[in-house]
Amino acid sequence: MRWRSIQKCLIFISVEAKMIQSGKMNIAIYTSAHGYGHASRSYEIARTLIEKRSDIAVYFNSWVPDSFFSGEENPRIIRRKKRFDVGIRQIDSLTMDLPGTLQDLEDLRMNSNQLIKEEVEFFREAGIELVLADLPHLIFEAAEKAGIPAWGLSNFSWDWIYEEYVNAYPGLQSHIDLIRRSYQRAEGVFRLPFSGGMGYFKMVIDVPLLARRSKLGKTESRKRLGIGLDDPVILFSFGGFKLSIPADITPCDDLILLSSDPSPDPGAPFSHITDEALKKLDLRYCDLVAAADAVVSKLGYGIVSECMANQTALIYTSRGQFREYPILRRAVNQYLPSAEIKLEDLKKGRWLDALTSLINRDFPPKPDCSGAETVADKLIEKANL
């Protein structure tokens, strides 16, 4: 066991020496353990950083499965997998488990000192010089202990989310207080559009929408998928949680229904596209969004921003009592042809009318989607590169 520890240290020292010798700047990016939107947008920043500067390497920490990054690997983005926050525990894509969330927070607090200690050691071993966190609070404590500047990134803060449930679950208040104290240790936060919270950061810098954008567009994406340009296409997007949808929902013969990893394959009549298939076709998930006429989903920042960036209509259902929801709903109504349907109508396939109403609607002016470039530029500026 001791020899393995010595080996690990030697590897990190070797990596650090190589980085220093080649003049590289090492940046660490951390994402929340909640959902996939935090990982997708933060990975865009990592991609943008290494595209802008050949002297940058990014250590990217995310709790999502490795397959999520299939086809987007890069030797200068070194992936890690540790959990530094909780988010909201989910029963399925649309149902929250708040008692379970409170238990997860208690467990995290019990382990927090060890997690912080280990990450301080990692910062020093890997030669990390700048940290970006979206928005796991423990990282700000680790960065402060290591003497490294750390910035946040998000459209909401977790204290603000948990505050919504504190009357029903008073035990949340102590965790809210801890999170707020951690946020105060950050240099500041890059605040994305459609936001809430952020009041406990020392500095707030507003940045444009951050989303994955298809470089292929609708025509080329459909060509690679073997779909005709005039075929009606619907993409179902519910993250990594199973949503039970009956198999007899196809309302017309020529409608193409797509699903993809990390959601489980729902079976016929869906065409399920795996991460492996995307990689073989040299496609990214945002290319699926661009290929679709409409996405059917819950309202989450990741899918909402990608629909805006790729000009795809959105059919959505309620996700229950989640404080971000009304903010995103206002944004969707402003920037997208969209329709809200009841969960029961979604499960029984009664969304054809909503689809028909959206197909021929014009898109409002697209918001500024240069968030990845803006944040990358600001990080480079903060690093004095």
Protein backbone atom coordinates (compact mmCIF):
# COMPACT_ATOMS: atom_id res chain seq x y z
CA MET A 1 0.00 0.00 0.00
CA ARG A 2 2.88 2.32 0.93
CA TRP A 3 4.67 1.55 -2.37
CA ARG A 4 1.50 2.47 -4.32
CA SER A 5 1.36 5.81 -2.49
CA ILE A 6 5.03 6.45 -3.31
CA GLN A 7 4.39 5.54 -6.96
CA LYS A 8 1.41 7.92 -7.09
CA CYS A 9 3.49 10.77 -5.69
CA LEU A 10 6.30 10.09 -8.16
CA ILE A 11 3.85 10.13 -11.07
CA PHE A 12 2.41 13.48 -9.99
CA ILE A 13 5.93 14.92 -9.47
CA SER A 14 6.90 13.69 -12.93
CA VAL A 15 3.80 15.23 -14.50
CA GLU A 16 4.38 18.52 -12.68
CA ALA A 17 8.02 18.64 -13.76
CA LYS A 18 7.09 18.06 -17.40
CA MET A 19 4.44 20.80 -17.23
CA ILE A 20 6.87 23.28 -15.67
CA GLN A 21 9.64 22.42 -18.12
CA SER A 22 7.34 22.98 -21.08
CA GLY A 23 5.97 26.21 -19.59
CA LYS A 24 2.44 24.92 -19.18
CA MET A 25 -0.25 26.52 -17.05
CA ASN A 26 -2.29 23.95 -15.12
CA ILE A 27 -5.94 24.83 -14.49
CA ALA A 28 -8.37 22.65 -12.53
CA ILE A 29 -12.08 22.69 -13.38
CA TYR A 30 -14.70 21.10 -11.11
CA THR A 31 -18.37 20.43 -11.82
CA SER A 32 -21.33 19.72 -9.59
CA ALA A 33 -22.36 16.10 -9.05
CA HIS A 34 -25.89 17.16 -10.01
CA GLY A 35 -26.99 16.25 -13.53
CA TYR A 36 -25.14 16.64 -16.80
CA GLY A 37 -25.61 20.31 -17.68
CA HIS A 38 -22.83 21.48 -15.35
CA ALA A 39 -20.41 18.99 -16.90
CA SER A 40 -21.31 19.82 -20.50
CA ARG A 41 -20.92 23.58 -20.16
CA SER A 42 -17.74 23.38 -18.05
CA TYR A 43 -16.18 20.96 -20.53
CA GLU A 44 -16.80 23.56 -23.24
CA ILE A 45 -14.63 25.94 -21.24
CA ALA A 46 -11.92 23.29 -20.95
CA ARG A 47 -12.05 22.69 -24.71
CA THR A 48 -11.93 26.41 -25.40
CA LEU A 49 -8.97 26.98 -23.09
CA ILE A 50 -6.77 24.41 -24.79
CA GLU A 51 -7.85 25.63 -28.22
CA LYS A 52 -6.88 29.18 -27.34
CA ARG A 53 -3.53 28.39 -25.75
CA SER A 54 -1.13 25.53 -26.38
CA ASP A 55 0.52 26.19 -23.00
CA ILE A 56 -2.58 25.28 -20.96
CA ALA A 57 -3.48 21.88 -19.52
CA VAL A 58 -6.80 21.30 -17.76
CA TYR A 59 -7.52 18.81 -14.98
CA PHE A 60 -11.25 18.27 -15.34
CA ASN A 61 -13.12 16.77 -12.38
CA SER A 62 -16.67 15.53 -12.95
CA TRP A 63 -18.93 12.91 -11.40
CA VAL A 64 -20.65 12.02 -14.70
CA PRO A 65 -19.75 8.73 -16.45
CA ASP A 66 -16.64 8.68 -18.64
CA SER A 67 -18.82 7.71 -21.61
CA PHE A 68 -20.34 11.20 -21.47
CA PHE A 69 -17.08 12.54 -22.94
CA SER A 70 -16.80 9.87 -25.64
CA GLY A 71 -15.37 11.36 -28.82
CA GLU A 72 -14.24 14.55 -27.06
CA GLU A 73 -11.09 13.27 -25.39
CA ASN A 74 -7.95 15.38 -25.52
CA PRO A 75 -4.55 14.62 -23.94
CA ARG A 76 -4.44 18.14 -22.47
CA ILE A 77 -7.75 17.59 -20.66
CA ILE A 78 -6.97 15.14 -17.88
CA ARG A 79 -10.18 13.77 -16.40
CA ARG A 80 -10.70 12.95 -12.73
CA LYS A 81 -13.76 11.68 -10.85
CA LYS A 82 -14.37 12.80 -7.28
CA ARG A 83 -17.49 14.18 -5.63
CA PHE A 84 -17.33 17.51 -3.82
CA ASP A 85 -21.00 18.42 -3.56
CA VAL A 86 -24.43 16.77 -3.59
CA GLY A 87 -26.88 18.72 -5.70
CA ILE A 88 -30.33 17.13 -5.47
CA ARG A 89 -30.77 13.38 -5.26
CA GLN A 90 -33.14 12.19 -8.01
CA ILE A 91 -35.57 9.26 -8.00
CA ASP A 92 -35.96 9.67 -11.75
CA SER A 93 -35.49 12.50 -14.22
CA LEU A 94 -38.48 14.45 -12.92
CA THR A 95 -38.75 13.39 -9.25
CA MET A 96 -36.55 14.68 -6.44
CA ASP A 97 -35.64 12.86 -3.22
CA LEU A 98 -35.23 15.63 -0.63
CA PRO A 99 -34.85 13.37 2.46
CA GLY A 100 -32.14 11.51 0.53
CA THR A 101 -30.54 14.84 -0.41
CA LEU A 102 -30.36 15.86 3.25
CA GLN A 103 -28.70 12.53 4.11
CA ASP A 104 -26.20 13.01 1.27
CA LEU A 105 -25.34 16.45 2.64
CA GLU A 106 -24.78 14.99 6.10
CA ASP A 107 -22.48 12.34 4.64
CA LEU A 108 -20.56 14.96 2.68
CA ARG A 109 -20.05 17.06 5.80
CA MET A 110 -18.68 14.04 7.66
CA ASN A 111 -16.10 13.49 4.90
CA SER A 112 -15.41 17.12 4.03
CA ASN A 113 -12.17 17.60 6.00
CA GLN A 114 -10.58 14.56 4.37
CA LEU A 115 -11.78 15.56 0.90
CA ILE A 116 -10.35 19.06 1.33
CA LYS A 117 -7.04 17.71 2.63
CA GLU A 118 -6.69 15.32 -0.31
CA GLU A 119 -7.46 18.04 -2.83
CA VAL A 120 -4.95 20.46 -1.33
CA GLU A 121 -2.34 17.71 -1.79
CA PHE A 122 -3.49 17.20 -5.37
CA PHE A 123 -3.21 20.93 -6.15
CA ARG A 124 0.38 20.93 -4.97
CA GLU A 125 1.36 17.66 -6.64
CA ALA A 126 -0.16 18.59 -10.00
CA GLY A 127 1.05 22.20 -9.93
CA ILE A 128 -2.46 23.69 -10.19
CA GLU A 129 -2.34 27.47 -10.47
CA LEU A 130 -5.99 28.41 -11.03
CA VAL A 131 -9.34 26.77 -10.20
CA LEU A 132 -12.83 27.08 -11.72
CA ALA A 133 -15.77 25.42 -9.96
CA ASP A 134 -19.36 24.94 -11.26
CA LEU A 135 -20.31 25.05 -8.32
CA PRO A 136 -19.11 22.48 -5.71
CA HIS A 137 -18.51 24.52 -2.57
CA LEU A 138 -15.77 22.41 -0.94
CA ILE A 139 -13.36 23.27 -3.74
CA PHE A 140 -13.23 26.90 -2.65
CA GLU A 141 -12.10 25.80 0.80
CA ALA A 142 -9.41 23.54 -0.67
CA ALA A 143 -8.18 26.28 -2.99
CA GLU A 144 -7.95 28.80 -0.15
CA LYS A 145 -5.94 26.35 1.98
CA ALA A 146 -3.60 25.75 -0.96
CA GLY A 147 -3.26 29.48 -1.66
CA ILE A 148 -4.69 29.14 -5.18
CA PRO A 149 -7.19 31.61 -6.70
CA ALA A 150 -10.58 29.99 -7.37
CA TRP A 151 -13.55 31.27 -9.36
CA GLY A 152 -17.10 30.01 -9.50
CA LEU A 153 -19.31 29.56 -12.54
CA SER A 154 -23.05 28.98 -12.60
CA ASN A 155 -26.52 30.34 -13.20
CA PHE A 156 -27.56 29.52 -9.63
CA SER A 157 -25.99 28.88 -6.25
CA TRP A 158 -26.80 25.80 -4.19
CA ASP A 159 -27.62 27.75 -1.04
CA TRP A 160 -30.32 29.51 -3.06
CA ILE A 161 -31.72 26.19 -4.30
CA TYR A 162 -31.79 24.56 -0.86
CA GLU A 163 -33.37 27.66 0.68
CA GLU A 164 -36.60 26.75 -1.13
CA TYR A 165 -36.98 23.60 0.98
CA VAL A 166 -35.75 24.74 4.38
CA ASN A 167 -39.22 25.16 5.90
CA ALA A 168 -40.07 21.53 5.14
CA TYR A 169 -36.54 20.30 5.94
CA PRO A 170 -35.04 22.57 8.65
CA GLY A 171 -31.90 20.42 8.73
CA LEU A 172 -30.88 22.04 5.46
CA GLN A 173 -30.15 25.39 7.14
CA SER A 174 -26.82 24.35 8.65
CA HIS A 175 -25.69 23.10 5.23
CA ILE A 176 -26.81 26.35 3.60
CA ASP A 177 -24.68 28.27 6.09
CA LEU A 178 -21.65 26.07 5.36
CA ILE A 179 -22.07 26.50 1.61
CA ARG A 180 -22.31 30.27 1.93
CA ARG A 181 -19.13 30.43 4.00
CA SER A 182 -17.38 28.36 1.33
CA TYR A 183 -18.57 30.65 -1.47
CA GLN A 184 -17.07 33.63 0.37
CA ARG A 185 -13.64 32.03 -0.01
CA ALA A 186 -13.81 32.33 -3.81
CA GLU A 187 -12.31 35.24 -5.73
CA GLY A 188 -15.69 35.66 -7.37
CA VAL A 189 -18.17 33.99 -9.72
CA PHE A 190 -18.90 34.13 -13.44
CA ARG A 191 -22.69 34.46 -13.52
CA LEU A 192 -24.48 32.95 -16.49
CA PRO A 193 -27.79 34.32 -17.82
CA PHE A 194 -31.12 33.17 -16.30
CA SER A 195 -29.66 33.19 -12.81
CA GLY A 196 -30.61 33.10 -9.14
CA GLY A 197 -28.63 33.46 -5.93
CA MET A 198 -24.89 34.35 -6.03
CA GLY A 199 -25.30 36.88 -3.20
CA TYR A 200 -22.50 35.42 -1.07
CA PHE A 201 -19.68 35.77 -3.60
CA LYS A 202 -17.29 38.69 -3.18
CA MET A 203 -17.44 39.57 -6.87
CA VAL A 204 -19.96 38.75 -9.62
CA ILE A 205 -19.02 38.97 -13.31
CA ASP A 206 -21.86 38.50 -15.79
CA VAL A 207 -21.01 36.46 -18.90
CA PRO A 208 -23.01 35.39 -21.99
CA LEU A 209 -24.88 32.11 -22.45
CA LEU A 210 -22.62 29.05 -22.33
CA ALA A 211 -23.69 26.08 -24.44
CA ARG A 212 -22.34 23.41 -26.75
CA ARG A 213 -22.84 24.56 -30.34
CA SER A 214 -22.93 22.28 -33.36
CA LYS A 215 -20.26 23.07 -35.93
CA LEU A 216 -22.00 20.80 -38.44
CA GLY A 217 -25.48 22.28 -38.42
CA LYS A 218 -28.75 20.55 -39.21
CA THR A 219 -27.98 19.43 -42.76
CA GLU A 220 -24.64 17.70 -42.13
CA SER A 221 -25.76 16.25 -38.79
CA ARG A 222 -28.80 14.64 -40.42
CA LYS A 223 -26.69 13.37 -43.31
CA ARG A 224 -24.39 11.52 -40.92
CA LEU A 225 -27.39 10.11 -39.06
CA GLY A 226 -28.99 8.91 -42.30
CA ILE A 227 -32.03 11.18 -41.81
CA GLY A 228 -33.67 13.14 -44.62
CA LEU A 229 -33.65 16.91 -44.40
CA ASP A 230 -37.46 17.07 -44.52
CA ASP A 231 -38.15 14.24 -42.05
CA PRO A 232 -39.77 15.39 -38.79
CA VAL A 233 -37.35 14.54 -35.95
CA ILE A 234 -37.90 14.66 -32.19
CA LEU A 235 -35.10 14.18 -29.67
CA PHE A 236 -36.03 13.02 -26.16
CA SER A 237 -33.56 14.32 -23.57
CA PHE A 238 -33.91 13.29 -19.91
CA GLY A 239 -30.33 12.89 -18.71
CA GLY A 240 -29.20 9.64 -17.17
CA PHE A 241 -32.51 8.78 -15.55
CA LYS A 242 -35.08 6.38 -16.89
CA LEU A 243 -38.43 7.90 -17.80
CA SER A 244 -41.10 5.33 -18.54
CA ILE A 245 -42.67 6.11 -21.92
CA PRO A 246 -45.13 3.70 -23.57
CA ALA A 247 -43.96 2.02 -26.76
CA ASP A 248 -47.12 2.89 -28.73
CA ILE A 249 -46.72 6.66 -28.72
CA THR A 250 -45.76 7.21 -32.38
CA PRO A 251 -48.51 9.47 -33.71
CA CYS A 252 -47.57 9.19 -37.40
CA ASP A 253 -45.47 6.87 -39.53
CA ASP A 254 -42.90 9.39 -40.75
CA LEU A 255 -42.03 10.89 -37.36
CA ILE A 256 -38.52 9.94 -36.19
CA LEU A 257 -38.02 9.63 -32.44
CA LEU A 258 -34.46 9.78 -31.13
CA SER A 259 -33.02 9.05 -27.71
CA SER A 260 -29.40 8.82 -26.68
CA ASP A 261 -26.99 7.90 -23.92
CA PRO A 262 -26.80 8.53 -21.00
CA SER A 263 -30.55 7.83 -20.95
CA PRO A 264 -31.38 4.11 -21.05
CA ASP A 265 -32.65 2.75 -24.38
CA PRO A 266 -36.48 3.04 -24.21
CA GLY A 267 -36.92 0.58 -27.08
CA ALA A 268 -39.23 0.88 -30.09
CA PRO A 269 -40.36 3.19 -31.60
CA PHE A 270 -37.22 5.11 -30.58
CA SER A 271 -33.93 5.02 -32.42
CA HIS A 272 -31.44 5.00 -29.57
CA ILE A 273 -28.03 6.48 -30.35
CA THR A 274 -25.24 5.30 -28.09
CA ASP A 275 -22.10 7.24 -27.24
CA GLU A 276 -20.15 4.71 -29.29
CA ALA A 277 -22.35 5.37 -32.33
CA LEU A 278 -21.90 9.12 -31.93
CA LYS A 279 -18.15 8.67 -31.81
CA LYS A 280 -18.13 6.54 -34.97
CA LEU A 281 -20.19 9.17 -36.79
CA ASP A 282 -17.93 11.95 -35.48
CA LEU A 283 -20.93 13.64 -33.87
CA ARG A 284 -21.42 15.40 -30.54
CA TYR A 285 -24.64 15.58 -28.53
CA CYS A 286 -25.18 19.17 -29.66
CA ASP A 287 -25.26 17.84 -33.24
CA LEU A 288 -28.27 15.71 -32.26
CA VAL A 289 -29.94 18.83 -30.88
CA ALA A 290 -29.18 20.67 -34.12
CA ALA A 291 -30.54 17.77 -36.18
CA ALA A 292 -33.89 17.75 -34.35
CA ASP A 293 -36.92 19.87 -35.13
CA ALA A 294 -37.77 19.82 -31.44
CA VAL A 295 -36.46 18.44 -28.17
CA VAL A 296 -38.76 16.92 -25.56
CA SER A 297 -37.30 17.37 -22.09
CA LYS A 298 -37.59 18.80 -18.62
CA LEU A 299 -36.33 22.35 -18.15
CA GLY A 300 -32.67 22.22 -17.26
CA TYR A 301 -30.03 24.81 -18.05
CA GLY A 302 -28.01 22.48 -20.26
CA ILE A 303 -30.73 21.47 -22.69
CA VAL A 304 -32.36 24.92 -22.68
CA SER A 305 -29.09 26.63 -23.57
CA GLU A 306 -28.28 24.07 -26.27
CA CYS A 307 -31.69 24.48 -27.86
CA MET A 308 -31.11 28.24 -27.94
CA ALA A 309 -27.59 27.92 -29.33
CA ASN A 310 -28.65 25.42 -32.04
CA GLN A 311 -32.06 26.94 -32.86
CA THR A 312 -34.19 23.93 -31.92
CA ALA A 313 -37.73 24.15 -30.56
CA LEU A 314 -38.50 22.78 -27.12
CA ILE A 315 -41.43 20.82 -25.66
CA TYR A 316 -41.08 20.57 -21.92
CA THR A 317 -42.82 19.35 -18.79
CA SER A 318 -42.66 20.45 -15.18
CA ARG A 319 -39.87 19.11 -12.96
CA GLY A 320 -41.72 19.82 -9.72
CA GLN A 321 -40.70 22.33 -7.06
CA PHE A 322 -37.30 23.44 -8.29
CA ARG A 323 -36.44 27.11 -7.81
CA GLU A 324 -34.68 27.43 -11.16
CA TYR A 325 -37.77 26.31 -13.10
CA PRO A 326 -39.75 29.61 -13.40
CA ILE A 327 -36.59 31.47 -14.42
CA LEU A 328 -35.85 29.00 -17.19
CA ARG A 329 -39.48 28.99 -18.30
CA ARG A 330 -39.40 32.77 -18.80
CA ALA A 331 -36.15 32.43 -20.75
CA VAL A 332 -37.56 29.68 -22.96
CA ASN A 333 -40.67 31.75 -23.72
CA GLN A 334 -38.43 34.65 -24.71
CA TYR A 335 -35.88 32.85 -26.89
CA LEU A 336 -37.47 29.65 -28.26
CA PRO A 337 -40.57 28.34 -29.98
CA SER A 338 -41.74 26.25 -27.03
CA ALA A 339 -44.69 24.50 -25.45
CA GLU A 340 -45.30 23.24 -21.93
CA ILE A 341 -47.21 19.99 -21.53
CA LYS A 342 -48.39 17.99 -18.53
CA LEU A 343 -46.34 15.00 -17.42
CA GLU A 344 -49.31 12.71 -18.03
CA ASP A 345 -49.60 13.96 -21.61
CA LEU A 346 -45.89 13.34 -22.11
CA LYS A 347 -46.09 9.78 -20.85
CA LYS A 348 -49.11 9.00 -23.02
CA GLY A 349 -47.64 10.55 -26.14
CA ARG A 350 -50.09 13.44 -26.29
CA TRP A 351 -47.61 15.99 -27.54
CA LEU A 352 -48.23 15.94 -31.30
CA ASP A 353 -50.40 19.05 -31.14
CA ALA A 354 -47.63 20.87 -29.30
CA LEU A 355 -45.12 19.75 -31.94
CA THR A 356 -47.37 20.83 -34.80
CA SER A 357 -47.78 24.27 -33.26
CA LEU A 358 -44.01 24.75 -33.02
CA ILE A 359 -42.75 23.52 -36.38
CA ASN A 360 -43.61 26.62 -38.39
CA ARG A 361 -42.98 29.24 -35.73
CA ASP A 362 -40.16 31.71 -36.25
CA PHE A 363 -37.28 31.82 -33.81
CA PRO A 364 -36.79 35.00 -31.77
CA PRO A 365 -33.36 36.65 -32.01
CA LYS A 366 -30.74 34.29 -30.61
CA PRO A 367 -28.98 35.35 -27.38
CA ASP A 368 -25.24 35.87 -27.27
CA CYS A 369 -23.81 32.34 -26.94
CA SER A 370 -20.14 33.22 -26.49
CA GLY A 371 -19.97 32.25 -22.82
CA ALA A 372 -17.22 29.64 -23.23
CA GLU A 373 -14.97 32.06 -25.08
CA THR A 374 -15.67 34.87 -22.62
CA VAL A 375 -14.96 32.78 -19.51
CA ALA A 376 -11.84 31.25 -21.09
CA ASP A 377 -10.50 34.71 -21.93
CA LYS A 378 -11.17 35.93 -18.41
CA LEU A 379 -9.45 32.91 -16.87
CA ILE A 380 -6.40 33.48 -19.08
CA GLU A 381 -6.43 37.12 -18.00
CA LYS A 382 -6.68 36.13 -14.31
CA ALA A 383 -3.77 33.75 -14.78
CA ASN A 384 -1.70 36.57 -16.33
CA LEU A 385 -0.89 34.46 -19.37
